[in-house]
Protein backbone atom coordinates (compact mmCIF):
# COMPACT_ATOMS: atom_id res chain seq x y z
CA MET A 1 -0.22 0.31 -0.38
CA VAL A 2 1.56 3.04 -1.07
CA LEU A 3 0.54 5.90 1.61
CA GLU A 4 1.22 10.02 0.53
CA ARG A 5 3.33 12.09 3.17
CA VAL A 6 1.82 13.91 5.36
CA ARG A 7 1.87 17.60 7.03
CA ARG A 8 1.60 17.94 10.31
CA PRO A 9 -1.80 21.05 11.36
CA ILE A 10 -1.01 24.52 11.03
CA LEU A 11 -2.85 26.46 13.38
CA ASP A 12 -4.08 29.54 10.83
CA ASN A 13 -5.24 26.64 8.68
CA LEU A 14 -7.67 25.68 11.29
CA SER A 15 -11.21 26.72 11.97
CA LEU A 16 -11.57 27.18 15.60
CA PRO A 17 -13.57 29.65 17.89
CA GLN A 18 -11.33 32.68 19.43
CA GLY A 19 -10.72 30.97 23.00
CA LYS A 20 -9.51 27.67 21.81
CA ARG A 21 -7.09 29.32 19.14
CA ALA A 22 -5.78 31.97 21.55
CA ARG A 23 -4.93 29.21 24.14
CA LEU A 24 -3.61 26.96 21.47
CA TYR A 25 -1.36 29.87 19.86
CA ARG A 26 0.58 30.22 23.40
CA LEU A 27 1.05 26.28 23.57
CA LEU A 28 2.36 26.07 20.13
CA TYR A 29 4.20 29.28 19.60
CA GLN A 30 5.01 31.08 22.92
CA HIS A 31 5.83 28.40 25.15
CA GLY A 32 8.04 25.35 24.34
CA PRO A 33 9.76 24.71 21.56
CA GLY A 34 7.43 26.65 19.69
CA HIS A 35 6.95 27.06 15.59
CA GLY A 36 3.95 25.38 16.02
CA THR A 37 5.23 22.10 18.14
CA MET A 38 4.62 21.24 21.32
CA LEU A 39 6.44 19.50 24.00
CA VAL A 40 4.05 18.45 27.39
CA LEU A 41 5.39 17.08 30.72
CA PRO A 42 2.98 14.93 32.06
CA VAL A 43 2.14 14.14 35.82
CA ASP A 44 -0.96 12.45 36.05
CA GLN A 45 0.87 9.23 37.19
CA GLY A 46 0.05 9.44 40.93
CA LEU A 47 -3.23 8.57 40.33
CA GLU A 48 -3.01 6.64 37.36
CA HIS A 49 -0.22 4.38 38.56
CA GLY A 50 0.21 5.26 42.38
CA PRO A 51 3.30 6.29 44.13
CA VAL A 52 5.16 3.76 42.70
CA ASP A 53 6.39 5.60 39.39
CA PHE A 54 8.40 7.96 41.81
CA LEU A 55 10.20 5.57 43.50
CA PRO A 56 13.19 5.61 40.76
CA ASN A 57 13.34 9.45 41.68
CA PRO A 58 12.24 10.25 45.40
CA PRO A 59 12.50 14.02 45.08
CA SER A 60 10.05 13.68 41.77
CA GLU A 61 7.36 12.74 44.70
CA ASN A 62 7.21 16.18 45.63
CA PRO A 63 5.12 18.29 42.72
CA GLU A 64 7.52 21.15 42.72
CA TYR A 65 10.42 18.89 41.04
CA GLN A 66 8.14 18.75 37.85
CA ILE A 67 6.92 22.24 37.89
CA ARG A 68 10.61 23.56 37.85
CA LEU A 69 11.78 20.97 35.10
CA ALA A 70 9.12 22.44 33.36
CA ILE A 71 9.57 25.97 34.06
CA ASP A 72 13.41 25.33 33.16
CA GLY A 73 13.14 23.16 30.30
CA ARG A 74 10.47 25.67 28.56
CA TYR A 75 8.24 22.93 28.39
CA SER A 76 4.71 24.08 26.30
CA ALA A 77 2.57 22.83 29.32
CA ILE A 78 2.17 20.39 31.97
CA ALA A 79 -0.64 18.24 32.95
CA PHE A 80 -1.99 17.51 36.15
CA HIS A 81 -5.03 16.71 38.34
CA TYR A 82 -6.82 19.16 39.94
CA GLY A 83 -5.51 18.57 43.50
CA ILE A 84 -2.01 18.73 42.83
CA ALA A 85 -2.80 22.20 40.39
CA ALA A 86 -4.67 23.98 43.08
CA ARG A 87 -2.52 23.33 46.15
CA HIS A 88 1.31 24.10 43.60
CA LEU A 89 0.70 25.93 40.70
CA THR A 90 -0.16 28.95 41.99
CA PRO A 91 2.86 30.79 43.26
CA HIS A 92 4.07 30.25 39.58
CA ALA A 93 0.99 31.37 37.63
CA GLY A 94 1.71 32.11 33.95
CA GLN A 95 4.77 30.99 33.87
CA ILE A 96 4.03 26.83 32.65
CA PRO A 97 0.73 26.79 30.98
CA LEU A 98 -1.72 23.61 32.55
CA ILE A 99 -3.15 21.39 30.81
CA LEU A 100 -5.61 19.98 33.73
CA LYS A 101 -6.74 16.60 33.43
CA ILE A 102 -10.07 16.05 34.59
CA ASN A 103 -10.50 12.50 34.52
CA GLY A 104 -9.03 9.44 35.63
CA LYS A 105 -9.17 5.90 37.59
CA THR A 106 -6.44 4.11 39.65
CA ASP A 107 -4.59 0.89 38.37
CA ILE A 108 -6.59 -1.30 41.00
CA PRO A 109 -9.60 -2.19 38.80
CA PRO A 110 -9.68 -4.95 36.38
CA ALA A 111 -8.12 -3.43 32.86
CA ASP A 112 -10.55 -4.77 30.49
CA ARG A 113 -13.56 -2.89 32.32
CA ALA A 114 -11.54 0.35 31.64
CA PHE A 115 -13.13 3.70 32.54
CA SER A 116 -12.10 6.88 33.96
CA GLY A 117 -14.32 8.99 36.10
CA LEU A 118 -14.64 12.59 36.13
CA THR A 119 -11.87 14.22 38.84
CA GLY A 120 -12.78 18.20 37.77
CA ARG A 121 -14.64 20.08 35.19
CA VAL A 122 -13.73 22.56 32.30
CA GLU A 123 -14.96 25.43 34.63
CA ASP A 124 -12.05 24.42 36.83
CA ALA A 125 -9.44 24.69 34.65
CA VAL A 126 -10.33 28.34 33.44
CA HIS A 127 -10.65 28.89 36.95
CA LEU A 128 -7.05 27.49 37.72
CA GLY A 129 -5.98 29.59 34.31
CA ALA A 130 -5.32 26.16 32.17
CA ASP A 131 -4.86 26.35 28.60
CA ALA A 132 -6.22 23.11 27.81
CA VAL A 133 -8.01 20.15 29.44
CA GLY A 134 -6.80 16.58 29.30
CA TYR A 135 -9.57 13.41 29.07
CA THR A 136 -8.50 9.93 28.97
CA LEU A 137 -10.88 8.05 26.51
CA TYR A 138 -10.50 3.92 26.45
CA VAL A 139 -11.36 2.89 22.27
CA GLY A 140 -12.61 -0.71 22.79
CA SER A 141 -13.52 -0.88 26.86
CA PRO A 142 -16.55 -2.36 27.40
CA ARG A 143 -17.73 0.88 28.96
CA GLN A 144 -16.95 2.85 26.14
CA ASP A 145 -20.78 3.70 25.64
CA GLU A 146 -20.18 5.72 29.16
CA ASP A 147 -17.06 7.01 28.09
CA PHE A 148 -18.67 8.77 24.71
CA ARG A 149 -21.71 10.41 26.63
CA GLN A 150 -19.05 11.58 29.75
CA LEU A 151 -16.91 12.90 26.97
CA THR A 152 -19.69 14.18 25.00
CA GLU A 153 -20.69 16.88 27.98
CA VAL A 154 -17.18 17.59 28.27
CA ARG A 155 -16.42 18.80 24.77
CA ALA A 156 -19.91 20.50 24.66
CA GLU A 157 -18.40 22.43 28.01
CA CYS A 158 -14.99 22.86 26.35
CA ASP A 159 -16.74 24.41 23.46
CA ARG A 160 -19.00 27.22 25.58
CA TYR A 161 -15.67 28.06 27.38
CA GLY A 162 -13.19 28.09 24.64
CA MET A 163 -11.11 25.51 25.84
CA PRO A 164 -8.75 23.42 23.76
CA LEU A 165 -9.52 19.45 24.26
CA VAL A 166 -6.67 17.12 24.67
CA VAL A 167 -7.41 13.43 24.62
CA TRP A 168 -5.26 10.70 25.85
CA SER A 169 -6.56 8.23 23.38
CA TYR A 170 -5.98 4.28 24.57
CA PRO A 171 -7.08 1.43 23.07
CA ARG A 172 -7.97 -0.63 25.88
CA GLY A 173 -9.97 -4.15 26.24
CA GLU A 174 -10.72 -7.72 25.45
CA ALA A 175 -11.74 -7.18 22.28
CA ILE A 176 -8.48 -4.70 21.50
CA GLU A 177 -6.47 -7.29 22.82
CA LYS A 178 -7.89 -10.41 20.23
CA LYS A 179 -7.60 -7.80 17.33
CA GLY A 180 -3.62 -7.52 17.64
CA GLY A 181 -3.42 -5.48 21.14
CA ARG A 182 -3.67 -2.22 22.19
CA ASP A 183 -0.50 -0.82 20.80
CA SER A 184 -0.87 -2.45 17.34
CA LEU A 185 -1.21 0.12 14.29
CA TYR A 186 -5.11 -0.71 14.05
CA ALA A 187 -5.46 -0.29 17.36
CA VAL A 188 -4.09 2.51 17.44
CA ASP A 189 -4.83 3.94 14.36
CA TYR A 190 -8.70 3.54 15.65
CA ALA A 191 -8.29 5.25 18.18
CA ALA A 192 -6.88 8.47 16.59
CA ARG A 193 -9.77 8.36 14.44
CA VAL A 194 -12.24 7.98 17.28
CA ALA A 195 -10.70 10.91 19.36
CA VAL A 196 -10.98 13.36 16.15
CA GLU A 197 -14.66 11.58 15.44
CA LEU A 198 -15.60 12.39 18.93
CA GLY A 199 -14.02 16.56 19.30
CA ALA A 200 -10.45 16.50 19.98
CA ASP A 201 -8.39 19.50 19.34
CA VAL A 202 -5.24 17.22 20.58
CA ILE A 203 -4.76 13.72 20.66
CA LYS A 204 -2.39 11.84 22.98
CA LEU A 205 -1.40 8.49 21.20
CA ASN A 206 1.29 5.73 21.92
CA VAL A 207 3.38 4.66 18.92
CA PRO A 208 2.38 1.85 17.15
CA VAL A 209 4.17 -1.40 17.52
CA PHE A 210 5.43 -3.21 14.43
CA ASP A 211 6.02 -6.76 15.95
CA GLN A 212 5.05 -10.03 13.48
CA LYS A 213 2.43 -10.56 16.33
CA ALA A 214 0.45 -7.58 16.66
CA ARG A 215 0.42 -7.62 12.62
CA GLU A 216 -1.01 -11.23 12.11
CA GLY A 217 -3.65 -10.62 14.61
CA SER A 218 -5.19 -7.35 13.31
CA PRO A 219 -8.19 -7.35 11.29
CA LYS A 220 -7.78 -6.77 7.03
CA PRO A 221 -5.97 -4.75 5.83
CA TYR A 222 -3.88 -4.06 8.80
CA ASN A 223 -2.97 -7.98 8.97
CA GLU A 224 -1.23 -7.51 5.56
CA MET A 225 0.38 -3.58 6.00
CA ALA A 226 4.37 -4.66 6.29
CA LEU A 227 4.73 -0.40 7.10
CA GLU A 228 7.95 1.06 8.03
CA TYR A 229 8.15 2.85 11.34
CA ARG A 230 7.71 6.39 9.60
CA ALA A 231 4.96 5.31 6.96
CA ALA A 232 2.50 3.60 10.06
CA VAL A 233 2.90 7.00 12.22
CA GLU A 234 2.07 8.91 9.15
CA LYS A 235 -1.02 6.60 8.43
CA VAL A 236 -2.08 7.38 12.65
CA VAL A 237 -1.22 11.10 11.98
CA ARG A 238 -3.76 11.05 8.59
CA SER A 239 -6.14 9.11 11.03
CA ALA A 240 -6.73 11.94 13.49
CA GLY A 241 -7.97 13.95 10.59
CA GLY A 242 -6.15 17.61 10.89
CA ALA A 243 -6.23 17.33 15.19
CA PHE A 244 -2.60 18.28 16.70
CA VAL A 245 -1.37 14.66 17.38
CA LEU A 246 1.58 14.46 20.45
CA PHE A 247 3.26 10.83 20.68
CA SER A 248 3.71 9.52 24.51
CA GLY A 249 7.49 8.21 25.28
CA GLY A 250 5.55 5.23 27.93
CA SER A 251 7.74 4.10 30.45
CA LYS A 252 11.39 4.85 30.69
CA VAL A 253 13.61 4.04 27.98
CA SER A 254 17.19 5.04 27.31
CA ASP A 255 18.29 8.00 26.01
CA ALA A 256 19.12 7.01 22.57
CA ASP A 257 15.77 5.07 22.24
CA LEU A 258 13.95 8.34 23.19
CA LEU A 259 15.96 10.41 21.02
CA GLU A 260 15.22 8.57 18.19
CA LYS A 261 11.28 8.03 18.78
CA ALA A 262 11.26 11.55 19.08
CA ARG A 263 13.29 12.35 15.48
CA LEU A 264 10.85 9.71 13.72
CA VAL A 265 7.32 10.89 14.87
CA MET A 266 8.54 14.33 14.12
CA GLU A 267 9.69 13.44 10.81
CA ALA A 268 6.23 11.72 10.08
CA GLY A 269 4.11 14.38 10.83
CA ALA A 270 3.40 14.88 14.42
CA THR A 271 2.91 18.04 16.34
CA GLY A 272 4.96 17.17 19.30
CA LEU A 273 5.78 14.95 22.01
CA ILE A 274 4.44 14.09 25.52
CA PHE A 275 7.00 12.48 27.76
CA GLY A 276 6.80 12.38 31.83
CA ARG A 277 8.17 9.49 33.64
CA ASN A 278 11.22 9.60 30.87
CA MET A 279 11.78 13.09 31.77
CA TRP A 280 11.07 13.54 35.78
CA GLN A 281 12.56 9.99 36.70
CA ARG A 282 15.71 11.31 35.79
CA THR A 283 17.94 13.60 38.06
CA MET A 284 17.10 17.61 37.13
CA ALA A 285 20.86 18.09 35.10
CA GLU A 286 19.87 14.66 33.32
CA ALA A 287 16.18 15.87 32.22
CA LEU A 288 17.26 19.17 31.68
CA ARG A 289 20.15 18.03 29.12
CA LEU A 290 17.69 15.37 27.32
CA THR A 291 15.08 18.09 27.24
CA GLU A 292 17.49 20.54 25.17
CA GLU A 293 18.40 17.65 23.11
CA ILE A 294 14.65 16.84 22.47
CA LYS A 295 13.91 20.42 21.20
CA ARG A 296 16.34 20.52 19.13
CA ILE A 297 14.90 17.70 17.45
CA MET A 298 11.65 18.87 16.91
CA LEU A 299 12.62 22.40 15.70
CA ALA A 300 14.61 20.40 12.95
CA ALA A 301 11.55 18.86 12.07
CA ALA A 302 9.34 21.63 11.88
CA ALA A 303 12.39 23.69 9.99
């Protein structure tokens, strides 16, 4: 299959209301690497995974650690749930844009019944001076009908307040696992399309895996798509339908692997990156050094 090259979306070319446009402009051009790209530091793992994620770097248990990294590293935004944002960001207001996560879950319930209930409201994001809200959507979960209804209400509030909607779009559930797995190209591609269909302005995705098991377990024609890395990522960006796409770093990997991932997805048309544990599980000096290398890669791809 031959697929045409894709170009990352440009804010000026999108039809968006003034409030969303102003907030996205700050994220894409006034903070972070700029030039229409976005580098986000997510810190929602304390709820999603528990305190275990902070053990590799004990200073990271204090949210001030990630805030300092985001400010000194000149990130585009930091993502927090309400409690941490309200308690810790006030002294830093205006220094780093906030993406307020407004739903979530613990790591305790069975993964195949995944559903993230609301932990905040769009009105809370306005009150805290956020530039976007974040919502986790589980595509393929047995509870996705509830998820769709909840996201529809959040989207309506985002439209009301002119607040950009960032959707963490994650394939989950037994049905997904039977069709190649949550990180197969089929699953990630579907997650991208579902998110834009439901009104996402920005979509956070995992990079699809390319092993033989994932491909052979996927429905047609994905089981016949022996795409190279770049072409697969381009396919996902295309399915996002003009929404801005951020790819995650996942669990901590080596510097070389992280930098190579950054280069490949940016060259394939991603708007940006959302790297959390791969950054704040390191010492501050290591994280800041790696941040600068990542931003250089992003700007080179955006040139």
